[in-house]
């Protein structure tokens, strides 16, 4: 296993992170990746069969680009989990886990994500798309609601910080999502563009507040959501005004990637979407579906990372480190914590 950085500024990689189609690279995919040199990769259920297979795949992905490229996954637990039994632990939805843990929620979630980090590192994955720092509301769309940590900004901030600390302790980079806040969206951005009509003051005090509290995290992911009080026409991902708010108002200065550029919330062709997101101020495009024709279009439209973006990427990747504890010790600590929770309950 790797334990550290890898320079990306000397020869800047492509300004995109990509998925691949299956459980092993095809020759055509390998050739494309070697030429296009994406910043990193993201894995989904379709890429996962067994720990041995996954270690081979992550190794092959890095070999294709010739460096210690980041490999991302969405391993929140609950519905959004790419690694599942029998090879990996099953977890309840985050909101359910927090509710069950009560006053121990921060301790429980920190340990939960340290265990997740250990499982990810064991198969060559070193970035997890969590914490999900969105504030839940009564009408938050079901695709997101139980992935949140609470409905009070301070609670969400504290739990999200614990999640990030757990991941970092295991050598896995957290991704702050979905900046500047997806909780007020009542539609599914995988399918259509959500529009939030709340006033500026409400958004800043509730939805944006946890992101400001975690603005020091190394990597963030934008929300495909229109915030009409700030930009009535464009979602945050492609809005220069919203990216400025993320950078200056919220104070996030880490590597900023788009949410999946192929999602139904965005309109126009894939290349146009990429150009719009980069022009707005995103550092890197996330493209997830593994469609090689789309991957080629993304690579062509995204080009190479800019100097500032590459510096942010290098600073983020330098935070990858060897895990602080092994999986066995973490699981023993978890079992003891769950016994205490059961006794109290």
Foldseek 3Di string as FASTA:
>chain_A
DDFFFKACQVPFAFQAEEEAAAQADDPVRLVVCLVRVHQYYEDALRNDDALVSLLVRLVSSCVSPVILHAYEYADLADPRHSDDPPHDDHHHQQQVQQVLCDPCLLVLLLLVLLLVLQVQVSSSHAEYADDALAAADPQFAPVCRSNAHYNFNVRSLSNRVSNQNSNLLALHAYEYDAPQHRRQFNDDQLAAETEHADAPVCCVNGGRVSLLSVLPGAHYEYDSYHDCNQPVPGGLQLALRNVCCSCPVSNRQHQYEYDALPGNHDDDDSLVSLLSSVVSPHQHYYHYNNDVVSVVSNSVSRDGGDNSNSVRSSVNRRSRRHRPDHSVVSVVVSVVSVVVSVVVD
